[in-house]
Amino acid sequence: MVLNMPTKELIQGGFAGVKRSLDRTLNTLTPYELKWQPRSDANSMQIILFHMARSEDSAVQARIQKKPELWESEKWYEKLGKDAKDNGGHYTCDQVNAFAVSDTKDLLAYFEAVRGKTLEYLNSLNEEGMERKFTMPAYGPPPAPGQPPRPPMELTVASMLLNTVTHLVQHIGEISYIRGIQRGMDK
């Protein structure tokens, strides 16, 4: 059997699955559990959730659409008590240990605002828009000494949106694992 699902539908389903999984994983967690770290150099669920929201905001607003991120345009950095330049990643151990958002409800509100804009953009796309190409600078750790720099990447909008879904799913797995460390299996 060959499944012929339109790309847009596939991506919409991916984002819906992310929402369901995240809601199920965060269900009944206390503020203490959300801020708990397995060890001092490990992320809490709260910092992972923050990274997820910042990453989606950056990918969809800034990288794909070349618009200001909601982080800036809606001043979410003020609402969350963070530095405007905080990109949600590549923290030092000290930054991980110092990370805190006073109310996770505010963090979830940022995540929902980002998701709303993502879905609004996704719903506006036709197949031509999904196949539009754009260039994104290479990211990740610097190359090893003597190795050439990574070239920029050429992506389609659809591939970047699918990469975003995959990235979010990986982090939900991390959050689920931390929950399991705290509560045990299926609790």
Protein backbone atom coordinates (compact mmCIF):
# COMPACT_ATOMS: atom_id res chain seq x y z
CA MET A 1 0.00 0.00 0.00
CA VAL A 2 1.33 3.42 -0.94
CA LEU A 3 0.46 6.32 1.30
CA ASN A 4 0.15 9.57 -0.57
CA MET A 5 -0.28 12.20 2.11
CA PRO A 6 0.20 15.82 1.10
CA THR A 7 3.27 17.38 2.70
CA LYS A 8 1.25 20.05 4.47
CA GLU A 9 -1.00 17.44 6.09
CA LEU A 10 2.01 15.43 7.22
CA ILE A 11 3.61 18.46 8.88
CA GLN A 12 0.31 19.52 10.49
CA GLY A 13 -0.01 16.01 11.90
CA GLY A 14 3.54 16.21 13.22
CA PHE A 15 2.88 19.46 15.07
CA ALA A 16 -0.40 18.05 16.45
CA GLY A 17 1.47 14.98 17.68
CA VAL A 18 4.06 17.18 19.38
CA LYS A 19 1.28 19.03 21.21
CA ARG A 20 -0.41 15.81 22.34
CA SER A 21 2.85 14.28 23.54
CA LEU A 22 3.93 17.41 25.34
CA ASP A 23 0.56 17.83 27.05
CA ARG A 24 0.60 14.18 28.16
CA THR A 25 4.20 14.41 29.39
CA LEU A 26 3.75 17.65 31.34
CA ASN A 27 0.40 16.55 32.81
CA THR A 28 0.38 16.69 36.64
CA LEU A 29 4.03 17.77 37.01
CA THR A 30 4.72 20.13 39.88
CA PRO A 31 6.80 23.33 39.60
CA TYR A 32 9.53 21.58 41.58
CA GLU A 33 9.60 18.64 39.15
CA LEU A 34 9.76 20.97 36.14
CA LYS A 35 12.78 22.79 37.60
CA TRP A 36 14.55 19.68 38.92
CA GLN A 37 17.88 18.69 37.34
CA PRO A 38 19.17 15.10 37.36
CA ARG A 39 22.59 16.61 38.16
CA SER A 40 24.10 20.07 38.23
CA ASP A 41 25.29 20.03 34.63
CA ALA A 42 22.05 18.60 33.20
CA ASN A 43 19.00 20.40 31.88
CA SER A 44 15.70 20.60 33.70
CA MET A 45 12.40 20.00 31.92
CA GLN A 46 11.77 23.73 32.14
CA ILE A 47 14.97 24.66 30.29
CA ILE A 48 14.27 22.04 27.62
CA LEU A 49 10.76 23.42 27.15
CA PHE A 50 12.24 26.92 26.87
CA HIS A 51 14.72 25.69 24.26
CA MET A 52 11.91 24.06 22.30
CA ALA A 53 9.88 27.27 22.17
CA ARG A 54 12.89 29.42 21.28
CA SER A 55 13.97 26.97 18.56
CA GLU A 56 10.55 26.85 16.90
CA ASP A 57 10.24 30.64 17.09
CA SER A 58 13.65 31.07 15.47
CA ALA A 59 13.11 28.43 12.78
CA VAL A 60 9.67 29.54 11.62
CA GLN A 61 9.70 33.26 12.20
CA ALA A 62 13.32 34.30 11.64
CA ARG A 63 14.87 31.64 9.43
CA ILE A 64 11.97 30.70 7.15
CA GLN A 65 9.93 33.90 7.07
CA LYS A 66 12.71 36.43 7.77
CA LYS A 67 10.48 38.10 10.38
CA PRO A 68 11.29 39.13 13.93
CA GLU A 69 10.83 36.32 16.41
CA LEU A 70 7.86 36.58 18.78
CA TRP A 71 10.51 36.63 21.51
CA GLU A 72 11.34 40.15 20.31
CA SER A 73 8.19 41.43 18.62
CA GLU A 74 5.89 40.48 21.51
CA LYS A 75 8.54 41.05 24.18
CA TRP A 76 8.34 37.55 25.61
CA TYR A 77 11.81 38.05 27.09
CA GLU A 78 10.27 40.67 29.41
CA LYS A 79 7.31 38.45 30.28
CA LEU A 80 9.66 35.60 31.18
CA GLY A 81 12.30 37.76 32.89
CA LYS A 82 15.05 36.81 30.45
CA ASP A 83 17.68 38.66 28.45
CA ALA A 84 16.46 39.70 25.00
CA LYS A 85 19.52 37.99 23.48
CA ASP A 86 18.82 34.62 25.13
CA ASN A 87 18.52 32.19 22.22
CA GLY A 88 17.61 29.20 24.37
CA GLY A 89 20.68 27.10 23.78
CA HIS A 90 24.41 26.54 24.15
CA TYR A 91 24.39 27.40 27.85
CA THR A 92 27.35 26.98 30.15
CA CYS A 93 26.96 24.83 33.26
CA ASP A 94 26.54 28.00 35.34
CA GLN A 95 23.77 29.25 33.04
CA VAL A 96 21.99 25.88 33.25
CA ASN A 97 22.13 25.99 37.04
CA ALA A 98 20.92 29.60 37.14
CA PHE A 99 18.06 29.06 34.68
CA ALA A 100 14.61 29.70 36.07
CA VAL A 101 11.27 30.95 34.87
CA SER A 102 9.11 32.04 37.77
CA ASP A 103 5.93 30.52 36.35
CA THR A 104 5.92 27.68 33.86
CA LYS A 105 2.44 28.82 32.78
CA ASP A 106 4.09 31.90 31.24
CA LEU A 107 6.62 29.68 29.47
CA LEU A 108 3.80 27.49 28.14
CA ALA A 109 1.97 30.64 26.99
CA TYR A 110 5.06 31.62 24.97
CA PHE A 111 5.21 28.12 23.51
CA GLU A 112 1.51 28.33 22.55
CA ALA A 113 1.96 31.79 20.99
CA VAL A 114 4.85 30.46 18.90
CA ARG A 115 2.83 27.40 17.88
CA GLY A 116 -0.12 29.59 16.90
CA LYS A 117 2.10 31.61 14.54
CA THR A 118 3.68 28.43 13.19
CA LEU A 119 0.30 26.92 12.34
CA GLU A 120 -0.97 30.21 10.92
CA TYR A 121 2.03 30.28 8.59
CA LEU A 122 1.77 26.58 7.72
CA ASN A 123 -1.94 26.89 6.93
CA SER A 124 -1.21 29.80 4.57
CA LEU A 125 1.19 27.75 2.44
CA ASN A 126 0.41 26.10 -0.87
CA GLU A 127 2.64 23.44 -2.49
CA GLU A 128 4.74 26.12 -4.18
CA GLY A 129 5.31 27.79 -0.81
CA MET A 130 6.27 24.45 0.74
CA GLU A 131 8.90 23.91 -1.96
CA ARG A 132 10.38 27.41 -1.71
CA LYS A 133 14.10 27.19 -1.08
CA PHE A 134 16.12 29.31 1.29
CA THR A 135 19.67 29.26 2.56
CA MET A 136 20.46 28.80 6.20
CA PRO A 137 23.88 29.30 7.75
CA ALA A 138 25.55 26.16 9.03
CA TYR A 139 25.18 25.65 12.76
CA GLY A 140 26.55 23.37 15.41
CA PRO A 141 29.95 23.07 17.00
CA PRO A 142 32.88 24.50 15.08
CA PRO A 143 34.71 22.10 12.79
CA ALA A 144 37.77 20.31 14.13
CA PRO A 145 41.10 22.07 13.64
CA GLY A 146 42.24 21.82 10.05
CA GLN A 147 38.74 21.05 8.78
CA PRO A 148 36.99 23.46 6.42
CA PRO A 149 34.00 25.43 7.72
CA ARG A 150 30.61 23.90 7.09
CA PRO A 151 28.89 25.35 4.05
CA PRO A 152 25.47 26.99 4.37
CA MET A 153 22.53 24.66 3.86
CA GLU A 154 19.90 25.03 1.18
CA LEU A 155 16.53 23.81 2.44
CA THR A 156 12.92 23.89 1.38
CA VAL A 157 10.31 25.33 3.71
CA ALA A 158 8.79 21.85 4.02
CA SER A 159 12.10 20.26 5.02
CA MET A 160 12.75 22.95 7.63
CA LEU A 161 9.28 22.48 9.11
CA LEU A 162 9.80 18.70 9.23
CA ASN A 163 13.22 19.24 10.85
CA THR A 164 11.50 21.45 13.43
CA VAL A 165 8.96 18.74 14.25
CA THR A 166 11.75 16.16 14.58
CA HIS A 167 13.76 18.46 16.82
CA LEU A 168 10.78 19.03 19.11
CA VAL A 169 10.01 15.30 19.31
CA GLN A 170 13.60 14.56 20.38
CA HIS A 171 13.26 17.04 23.24
CA ILE A 172 9.91 15.61 24.34
CA GLY A 173 11.76 12.33 24.71
CA GLU A 174 14.25 14.04 27.02
CA ILE A 175 11.45 15.56 29.09
CA SER A 176 9.73 12.15 29.30
CA TYR A 177 12.96 10.54 30.45
CA ILE A 178 13.48 13.13 33.20
CA ARG A 179 9.87 12.63 34.29
CA GLY A 180 10.53 8.89 34.46
CA ILE A 181 13.64 9.39 36.57
CA GLN A 182 11.56 11.37 39.05
CA ARG A 183 8.35 9.36 39.10
CA GLY A 184 9.11 5.93 37.71
CA MET A 185 7.49 4.27 34.70
CA ASP A 186 4.06 5.44 33.57
CA LYS A 187 3.47 7.70 36.57
